[in-house]
C-alpha cells in the first residue's frame, strides 16, 4: 500500500515542522486525535501510542476509533519526521513527513508505505480498507486541521 497526501500551508517550513513534530499538542489542534501517549520520550526519537477517530461523514458525530503504536524520528537536518508503526493493523508501516518551501508557502506531504504480510487476501484489505478508508482519510484530516492551526498564527 502506498498513499500520499499533501497540502500547501502559508507558513515557513520551520514553523510547520516544529508544530508537526510536537505530538503532545496534536489532540488540542487536531479534533480527530483523541490522545497521544508517550511510551518513551527521548528528544528526537520517541515511541508513542496514537489514538484517533475515523469520522463517518454520513453519520454526523459518529466515528471509528483507531489506535496504533509508532516510533517517531525527528530529523532536523533533513526537515523530515518519520514514523515506523510497531503494532496494530498497520504494523510495519513507514511514514514520512516532508516540508518543501514554495513561492506561496510550504508544501507539506505525508507518504505512507505498508507492505502486506498476509498473502493474497491481505492485498484485498490493505489498499482499500487500511489505505484509502483509514490512512488516506485521517492524513487528509490531519493536514487540513494543521493548516488551519498554523495559518491562524498558532504554534509560533
N, C-alpha and C. Protein backbone atom coordinates (compact mmCIF):
# COMPACT_ATOMS: atom_id res chain seq x y z
N UNK A 1 0.84 -1.16 0.00
CA UNK A 1 0.00 0.00 0.00
C UNK A 1 0.89 1.23 0.00
N UNK A 2 0.55 2.16 -0.84
CA UNK A 2 1.26 3.44 -0.91
C UNK A 2 0.20 4.53 -0.94
N UNK A 3 0.36 5.51 -0.07
CA UNK A 3 -0.60 6.62 -0.01
C UNK A 3 0.17 7.92 0.17
N UNK A 4 -0.25 8.96 -0.54
CA UNK A 4 0.36 10.27 -0.40
C UNK A 4 -0.73 11.31 -0.21
N UNK A 5 -0.50 12.21 0.72
CA UNK A 5 -1.38 13.35 0.97
C UNK A 5 -0.49 14.58 1.02
N UNK A 6 -0.97 15.69 0.46
CA UNK A 6 -0.20 16.93 0.56
C UNK A 6 -1.14 18.12 0.58
N UNK A 7 -0.60 19.23 1.11
CA UNK A 7 -1.37 20.46 1.20
C UNK A 7 -0.38 21.62 1.24
N UNK A 8 -0.81 22.76 0.75
CA UNK A 8 0.00 23.97 0.80
C UNK A 8 -0.40 24.77 2.03
N UNK A 9 0.59 25.07 2.87
CA UNK A 9 0.33 25.87 4.07
C UNK A 9 1.08 27.19 3.94
N UNK A 10 0.42 28.26 4.31
CA UNK A 10 1.03 29.58 4.22
C UNK A 10 1.75 29.89 5.53
N UNK A 11 2.90 29.26 5.68
CA UNK A 11 3.78 29.45 6.84
C UNK A 11 5.15 28.90 6.45
N UNK A 12 6.16 29.24 7.21
CA UNK A 12 7.51 28.78 6.89
C UNK A 12 7.66 27.28 7.18
N UNK A 13 8.54 26.62 6.42
CA UNK A 13 8.76 25.19 6.68
C UNK A 13 9.17 24.92 8.13
N UNK A 14 10.03 25.77 8.69
CA UNK A 14 10.49 25.56 10.06
C UNK A 14 9.36 25.63 11.08
N UNK A 15 8.47 26.57 10.88
CA UNK A 15 7.34 26.73 11.81
C UNK A 15 6.41 25.51 11.75
N UNK A 16 6.10 25.08 10.53
CA UNK A 16 5.21 23.92 10.36
C UNK A 16 5.89 22.65 10.91
N UNK A 17 7.18 22.51 10.63
CA UNK A 17 7.96 21.37 11.12
C UNK A 17 7.89 21.30 12.65
N UNK A 18 8.08 22.44 13.32
CA UNK A 18 8.02 22.47 14.78
C UNK A 18 6.65 22.07 15.30
N UNK A 19 5.59 22.56 14.67
CA UNK A 19 4.23 22.23 15.09
C UNK A 19 3.96 20.73 14.87
N UNK A 20 4.34 20.23 13.70
CA UNK A 20 4.08 18.82 13.37
C UNK A 20 4.91 17.88 14.24
N UNK A 21 6.09 18.30 14.66
CA UNK A 21 6.97 17.46 15.48
C UNK A 21 6.46 17.26 16.90
N UNK A 22 5.70 18.22 17.40
CA UNK A 22 5.25 18.19 18.79
C UNK A 22 3.95 17.40 18.91
N UNK A 23 4.07 16.11 19.02
CA UNK A 23 2.89 15.24 19.07
C UNK A 23 2.02 15.50 20.30
N UNK A 24 2.61 15.99 21.38
CA UNK A 24 1.82 16.24 22.58
C UNK A 24 0.75 17.30 22.34
N UNK A 25 0.94 18.16 21.35
CA UNK A 25 -0.02 19.23 21.04
C UNK A 25 -1.10 18.79 20.05
N UNK A 26 -0.92 17.65 19.41
CA UNK A 26 -1.86 17.24 18.37
C UNK A 26 -3.31 17.14 18.84
N UNK A 27 -3.63 16.51 19.96
CA UNK A 27 -5.05 16.40 20.34
C UNK A 27 -5.72 17.76 20.54
N UNK A 28 -4.98 18.79 20.92
CA UNK A 28 -5.57 20.12 21.11
C UNK A 28 -5.85 20.83 19.78
N UNK A 29 -5.05 20.54 18.76
CA UNK A 29 -5.23 21.24 17.47
C UNK A 29 -5.91 20.39 16.41
N UNK A 30 -5.92 19.09 16.59
CA UNK A 30 -6.48 18.17 15.60
C UNK A 30 -7.66 17.44 16.24
N UNK A 31 -8.88 17.86 15.95
CA UNK A 31 -10.04 17.31 16.65
C UNK A 31 -10.26 15.81 16.48
N UNK A 32 -9.72 15.21 15.44
CA UNK A 32 -9.90 13.77 15.23
C UNK A 32 -8.89 12.94 16.03
N UNK A 33 -7.90 13.58 16.65
CA UNK A 33 -6.96 12.87 17.52
C UNK A 33 -7.50 12.86 18.94
N UNK A 34 -7.70 11.67 19.50
CA UNK A 34 -8.25 11.54 20.85
C UNK A 34 -7.16 11.69 21.90
N UNK A 35 -6.00 11.11 21.65
CA UNK A 35 -4.90 11.23 22.60
C UNK A 35 -3.60 10.72 21.97
N UNK A 36 -2.52 11.19 22.55
CA UNK A 36 -1.18 10.72 22.20
C UNK A 36 -0.48 10.47 23.53
N UNK A 37 0.02 9.26 23.71
CA UNK A 37 0.70 8.90 24.95
C UNK A 37 2.14 8.52 24.62
N UNK A 38 3.07 9.18 25.27
CA UNK A 38 4.49 8.85 25.08
C UNK A 38 4.83 7.62 25.93
N UNK A 39 5.34 6.58 25.28
CA UNK A 39 5.81 5.38 25.96
C UNK A 39 7.27 5.59 26.32
N UNK A 40 8.01 6.22 25.40
CA UNK A 40 9.42 6.53 25.59
C UNK A 40 9.68 7.87 24.91
N UNK A 41 10.14 8.83 25.67
CA UNK A 41 10.38 10.16 25.12
C UNK A 41 11.85 10.50 25.31
N UNK A 42 12.55 10.66 24.19
CA UNK A 42 13.99 10.95 24.28
C UNK A 42 14.41 11.90 23.18
N UNK A 43 13.93 13.13 23.25
CA UNK A 43 14.34 14.15 22.29
C UNK A 43 13.75 13.92 20.92
N UNK A 44 14.60 13.52 19.98
CA UNK A 44 14.16 13.37 18.59
C UNK A 44 13.79 11.94 18.22
N UNK A 45 13.75 11.05 19.20
CA UNK A 45 13.34 9.65 18.96
C UNK A 45 12.38 9.26 20.08
N UNK A 46 11.14 9.04 19.68
CA UNK A 46 10.09 8.76 20.66
C UNK A 46 9.29 7.54 20.25
N UNK A 47 8.69 6.88 21.24
CA UNK A 47 7.71 5.83 20.98
C UNK A 47 6.40 6.34 21.56
N UNK A 48 5.36 6.33 20.72
CA UNK A 48 4.07 6.89 21.12
C UNK A 48 2.93 5.95 20.77
N UNK A 49 1.88 6.03 21.59
CA UNK A 49 0.61 5.38 21.25
C UNK A 49 -0.29 6.51 20.78
N UNK A 50 -0.77 6.39 19.55
CA UNK A 50 -1.60 7.42 18.94
C UNK A 50 -3.03 6.89 18.80
N UNK A 51 -4.00 7.72 19.14
CA UNK A 51 -5.40 7.32 19.05
C UNK A 51 -6.17 8.43 18.34
N UNK A 52 -6.87 8.05 17.29
CA UNK A 52 -7.65 8.99 16.50
C UNK A 52 -9.03 8.40 16.24
N UNK A 53 -9.85 9.18 15.56
CA UNK A 53 -11.17 8.71 15.16
C UNK A 53 -11.31 8.92 13.66
N UNK A 54 -11.74 7.87 12.98
CA UNK A 54 -12.03 7.96 11.55
C UNK A 54 -13.51 8.31 11.46
N UNK A 55 -13.79 9.58 11.15
CA UNK A 55 -15.17 10.06 11.07
C UNK A 55 -15.93 9.34 9.96
N UNK A 56 -17.24 9.21 10.16
CA UNK A 56 -18.13 8.67 9.14
C UNK A 56 -19.06 9.81 8.72
N UNK A 57 -18.72 10.53 7.64
CA UNK A 57 -19.48 11.71 7.25
C UNK A 57 -20.98 11.51 7.11
N UNK A 58 -21.40 10.30 6.76
CA UNK A 58 -22.84 10.06 6.60
C UNK A 58 -23.56 9.98 7.94
N UNK A 59 -22.80 9.79 9.01
CA UNK A 59 -23.37 9.73 10.36
C UNK A 59 -22.68 10.80 11.22
N UNK A 60 -23.21 12.00 11.20
CA UNK A 60 -22.59 13.11 11.90
C UNK A 60 -22.31 12.77 13.36
N UNK A 61 -21.07 13.04 13.78
CA UNK A 61 -20.69 12.81 15.16
C UNK A 61 -20.31 11.37 15.48
N UNK A 62 -20.38 10.49 14.48
CA UNK A 62 -20.06 9.09 14.70
C UNK A 62 -18.74 8.77 14.00
N UNK A 63 -17.91 7.98 14.65
CA UNK A 63 -16.65 7.62 14.03
C UNK A 63 -16.14 6.29 14.55
N UNK A 64 -15.11 5.80 13.90
CA UNK A 64 -14.48 4.54 14.27
C UNK A 64 -13.17 4.87 14.98
N UNK A 65 -13.03 4.45 16.24
CA UNK A 65 -11.77 4.72 16.95
C UNK A 65 -10.65 3.83 16.40
N UNK A 66 -9.49 4.43 16.20
CA UNK A 66 -8.31 3.69 15.75
C UNK A 66 -7.15 4.02 16.68
N UNK A 67 -6.23 3.06 16.79
CA UNK A 67 -5.10 3.24 17.70
C UNK A 67 -3.91 2.45 17.17
N UNK A 68 -2.72 3.01 17.33
CA UNK A 68 -1.51 2.33 16.90
C UNK A 68 -0.33 2.83 17.71
N UNK A 69 0.72 2.03 17.74
CA UNK A 69 1.97 2.39 18.41
C UNK A 69 3.01 2.65 17.33
N UNK A 70 3.75 3.74 17.52
CA UNK A 70 4.67 4.14 16.48
C UNK A 70 5.96 4.70 17.06
N UNK A 71 7.05 4.47 16.36
CA UNK A 71 8.32 5.11 16.70
C UNK A 71 8.42 6.38 15.85
N UNK A 72 8.67 7.51 16.48
CA UNK A 72 8.80 8.79 15.78
C UNK A 72 10.28 9.19 15.76
N UNK A 73 10.76 9.59 14.59
CA UNK A 73 12.10 10.15 14.45
C UNK A 73 11.97 11.55 13.88
N UNK A 74 12.55 12.51 14.59
CA UNK A 74 12.53 13.90 14.13
C UNK A 74 13.91 14.20 13.57
N UNK A 75 13.99 14.41 12.27
CA UNK A 75 15.26 14.67 11.59
C UNK A 75 15.32 16.15 11.24
N UNK A 76 15.96 16.91 12.11
CA UNK A 76 16.02 18.36 11.94
C UNK A 76 16.91 18.77 10.77
N UNK A 77 17.95 17.99 10.48
CA UNK A 77 18.83 18.29 9.36
C UNK A 77 18.11 18.20 8.03
N UNK A 78 17.37 17.13 7.85
CA UNK A 78 16.63 16.90 6.59
C UNK A 78 15.25 17.54 6.59
N UNK A 79 14.83 18.06 7.75
CA UNK A 79 13.47 18.60 7.90
C UNK A 79 12.45 17.53 7.53
N UNK A 80 12.57 16.37 8.17
CA UNK A 80 11.64 15.26 7.97
C UNK A 80 11.20 14.72 9.32
N UNK A 81 9.99 14.23 9.35
CA UNK A 81 9.50 13.49 10.50
C UNK A 81 9.14 12.11 9.97
N UNK A 82 9.70 11.09 10.59
CA UNK A 82 9.44 9.73 10.14
C UNK A 82 8.80 8.92 11.27
N UNK A 83 7.91 8.04 10.88
CA UNK A 83 7.26 7.14 11.83
C UNK A 83 7.42 5.71 11.32
N UNK A 84 7.55 4.78 12.25
CA UNK A 84 7.54 3.36 11.93
C UNK A 84 6.51 2.74 12.87
N UNK A 85 5.41 2.22 12.30
CA UNK A 85 4.34 1.64 13.11
C UNK A 85 4.81 0.29 13.66
N UNK A 86 4.66 0.14 14.97
CA UNK A 86 5.17 -1.04 15.66
C UNK A 86 4.11 -2.07 15.99
N UNK A 87 2.84 -1.65 16.06
CA UNK A 87 1.75 -2.55 16.46
C UNK A 87 0.48 -2.21 15.69
N UNK A 88 -0.50 -3.05 15.86
CA UNK A 88 -1.85 -2.90 15.31
C UNK A 88 -1.87 -3.31 13.84
N UNK A 89 -2.96 -2.98 13.15
CA UNK A 89 -3.16 -3.41 11.76
C UNK A 89 -2.14 -2.79 10.81
N UNK A 90 -1.52 -1.71 11.23
CA UNK A 90 -0.56 -1.03 10.36
C UNK A 90 0.88 -1.35 10.74
N UNK A 91 1.09 -2.41 11.49
CA UNK A 91 2.45 -2.80 11.90
C UNK A 91 3.36 -2.88 10.68
N UNK A 92 4.51 -2.22 10.78
CA UNK A 92 5.46 -2.22 9.67
C UNK A 92 5.34 -1.02 8.75
N UNK A 93 4.27 -0.25 8.88
CA UNK A 93 4.09 0.90 8.00
C UNK A 93 5.18 1.93 8.26
N UNK A 94 5.67 2.52 7.18
CA UNK A 94 6.65 3.61 7.22
C UNK A 94 5.94 4.88 6.76
N UNK A 95 6.15 5.94 7.52
CA UNK A 95 5.50 7.22 7.22
C UNK A 95 6.58 8.29 7.19
N UNK A 96 6.49 9.18 6.19
CA UNK A 96 7.47 10.27 6.10
C UNK A 96 6.75 11.58 5.83
N UNK A 97 6.99 12.55 6.70
CA UNK A 97 6.50 13.92 6.51
C UNK A 97 7.64 14.73 5.91
N UNK A 98 7.34 15.52 4.87
CA UNK A 98 8.34 16.42 4.30
C UNK A 98 7.74 17.82 4.17
N UNK A 99 8.62 18.81 4.14
CA UNK A 99 8.22 20.22 4.15
C UNK A 99 9.04 20.94 3.08
N UNK A 100 8.39 21.28 1.96
CA UNK A 100 9.08 21.86 0.82
C UNK A 100 8.63 23.30 0.61
N UNK A 101 9.57 24.25 0.71
CA UNK A 101 9.19 25.65 0.51
C UNK A 101 8.80 25.89 -0.95
N UNK A 102 7.83 26.79 -1.14
CA UNK A 102 7.43 27.21 -2.49
C UNK A 102 7.15 28.71 -2.45
N UNK A 103 6.83 29.27 -3.60
CA UNK A 103 6.52 30.71 -3.68
C UNK A 103 5.37 31.11 -2.78
N UNK A 104 4.40 30.23 -2.65
CA UNK A 104 3.17 30.55 -1.93
C UNK A 104 3.09 29.98 -0.52
N UNK A 105 4.18 29.42 -0.01
CA UNK A 105 4.14 28.84 1.32
C UNK A 105 5.00 27.59 1.40
N UNK A 106 4.46 26.56 2.01
CA UNK A 106 5.19 25.29 2.19
C UNK A 106 4.28 24.14 1.81
N UNK A 107 4.79 23.27 0.94
CA UNK A 107 4.04 22.04 0.65
C UNK A 107 4.40 21.02 1.73
N UNK A 108 3.37 20.56 2.43
CA UNK A 108 3.56 19.54 3.45
C UNK A 108 3.02 18.25 2.86
N UNK A 109 3.86 17.23 2.85
CA UNK A 109 3.49 15.95 2.24
C UNK A 109 3.68 14.83 3.27
N UNK A 110 2.70 13.95 3.31
CA UNK A 110 2.79 12.74 4.14
C UNK A 110 2.72 11.54 3.21
N UNK A 111 3.73 10.68 3.30
CA UNK A 111 3.78 9.46 2.49
C UNK A 111 3.71 8.26 3.43
N UNK A 112 2.77 7.35 3.15
CA UNK A 112 2.62 6.12 3.91
C UNK A 112 2.94 4.94 3.00
N UNK A 113 3.74 4.00 3.49
CA UNK A 113 4.04 2.77 2.76
C UNK A 113 3.90 1.58 3.70
N UNK A 114 3.13 0.60 3.25
CA UNK A 114 2.92 -0.62 4.02
C UNK A 114 2.89 -1.80 3.08
N UNK A 115 3.72 -2.77 3.38
CA UNK A 115 3.72 -4.00 2.59
C UNK A 115 2.98 -5.06 3.39
N UNK A 116 1.97 -5.62 2.79
CA UNK A 116 1.16 -6.63 3.48
C UNK A 116 1.94 -7.91 3.65
N UNK A 117 1.84 -8.48 4.84
CA UNK A 117 2.48 -9.77 5.11
C UNK A 117 1.47 -10.90 5.00
N UNK A 118 0.21 -10.54 4.72
CA UNK A 118 -0.84 -11.55 4.56
C UNK A 118 -0.96 -11.87 3.08
N UNK A 119 -0.72 -13.12 2.69
CA UNK A 119 -0.79 -13.45 1.27
C UNK A 119 -2.19 -13.25 0.69
N UNK A 120 -2.28 -12.89 -0.54
CA UNK A 120 -3.47 -12.70 -1.35
C UNK A 120 -4.55 -11.83 -0.70
N UNK A 121 -5.22 -12.33 0.34
CA UNK A 121 -6.32 -11.58 0.94
C UNK A 121 -5.84 -10.27 1.57
N UNK A 122 -4.59 -10.25 1.99
CA UNK A 122 -4.05 -9.03 2.56
C UNK A 122 -4.12 -7.87 1.59
N UNK A 123 -3.86 -8.15 0.31
CA UNK A 123 -3.92 -7.10 -0.71
C UNK A 123 -5.34 -6.58 -0.89
N UNK A 124 -6.32 -7.44 -0.68
CA UNK A 124 -7.71 -7.03 -0.81
C UNK A 124 -8.15 -6.14 0.35
N UNK A 125 -7.47 -6.27 1.47
CA UNK A 125 -7.82 -5.50 2.67
C UNK A 125 -6.96 -4.25 2.81
N UNK A 126 -5.66 -4.40 2.58
CA UNK A 126 -4.71 -3.33 2.86
C UNK A 126 -4.99 -2.08 2.05
N UNK A 127 -5.08 -2.18 0.74
CA UNK A 127 -5.24 -0.99 -0.11
C UNK A 127 -6.59 -0.28 0.11
N UNK A 128 -7.71 -0.97 -0.07
CA UNK A 128 -8.99 -0.24 0.04
C UNK A 128 -9.39 0.12 1.46
N UNK A 129 -9.14 -0.75 2.42
CA UNK A 129 -9.64 -0.50 3.77
C UNK A 129 -8.61 0.25 4.61
N UNK A 130 -7.44 -0.34 4.81
CA UNK A 130 -6.43 0.34 5.62
C UNK A 130 -5.92 1.58 4.88
N UNK A 131 -5.59 1.42 3.60
CA UNK A 131 -5.02 2.53 2.83
C UNK A 131 -5.95 3.68 2.59
N UNK A 132 -7.00 3.45 1.82
CA UNK A 132 -7.90 4.55 1.43
C UNK A 132 -8.87 4.94 2.54
N UNK A 133 -9.52 3.97 3.15
CA UNK A 133 -10.57 4.29 4.12
C UNK A 133 -10.01 4.90 5.40
N UNK A 134 -8.93 4.34 5.93
CA UNK A 134 -8.39 4.84 7.19
C UNK A 134 -7.23 5.81 6.98
N UNK A 135 -6.11 5.34 6.46
CA UNK A 135 -4.87 6.12 6.40
C UNK A 135 -5.04 7.40 5.59
N UNK A 136 -5.49 7.28 4.36
CA UNK A 136 -5.61 8.46 3.49
C UNK A 136 -6.58 9.48 4.07
N UNK A 137 -7.72 9.02 4.56
CA UNK A 137 -8.73 9.92 5.13
C UNK A 137 -8.19 10.64 6.36
N UNK A 138 -7.59 9.91 7.30
CA UNK A 138 -7.09 10.52 8.53
C UNK A 138 -5.93 11.48 8.22
N UNK A 139 -5.05 11.11 7.30
CA UNK A 139 -3.95 12.01 6.93
C UNK A 139 -4.48 13.31 6.32
N UNK A 140 -5.53 13.23 5.51
CA UNK A 140 -6.13 14.45 4.95
C UNK A 140 -6.69 15.34 6.06
N UNK A 141 -7.37 14.72 7.02
CA UNK A 141 -7.90 15.48 8.15
C UNK A 141 -6.77 16.16 8.93
N UNK A 142 -5.70 15.42 9.15
CA UNK A 142 -4.55 15.96 9.88
C UNK A 142 -3.99 17.18 9.17
N UNK A 143 -3.77 17.08 7.88
CA UNK A 143 -3.21 18.20 7.12
C UNK A 143 -4.16 19.40 7.10
N UNK A 144 -5.43 19.16 6.90
CA UNK A 144 -6.40 20.27 6.86
C UNK A 144 -6.45 21.04 8.18
N UNK A 145 -6.53 20.30 9.28
CA UNK A 145 -6.61 20.95 10.59
C UNK A 145 -5.29 21.63 10.98
N UNK A 146 -4.17 21.00 10.62
CA UNK A 146 -2.88 21.62 10.92
C UNK A 146 -2.71 22.90 10.11
N UNK A 147 -3.15 22.90 8.86
CA UNK A 147 -3.11 24.11 8.02
C UNK A 147 -3.88 25.24 8.70
N UNK A 148 -5.10 24.96 9.14
CA UNK A 148 -5.92 25.96 9.82
C UNK A 148 -5.19 26.49 11.05
N UNK A 149 -4.59 25.59 11.81
CA UNK A 149 -3.90 25.96 13.04
C UNK A 149 -2.72 26.90 12.76
N UNK A 150 -1.83 26.51 11.83
CA UNK A 150 -0.63 27.34 11.60
C UNK A 150 -0.96 28.63 10.87
N UNK A 151 -1.97 28.61 10.00
CA UNK A 151 -2.30 29.83 9.26
C UNK A 151 -3.03 30.86 10.11
N UNK A 152 -3.60 30.43 11.21
CA UNK A 152 -4.22 31.38 12.14
C UNK A 152 -3.20 32.03 13.06
N UNK A 153 -1.93 31.68 12.86
CA UNK A 153 -0.90 32.26 13.70
C UNK A 153 -0.63 31.49 14.96
N UNK A 154 -1.19 30.30 15.07
CA UNK A 154 -0.93 29.45 16.24
C UNK A 154 0.41 28.74 16.05
N UNK A 155 0.88 28.21 17.10
CA UNK A 155 2.10 27.40 17.01
C UNK A 155 3.34 28.19 16.73
N UNK A 156 3.35 29.47 17.06
CA UNK A 156 4.55 30.26 16.80
C UNK A 156 5.54 30.15 17.93
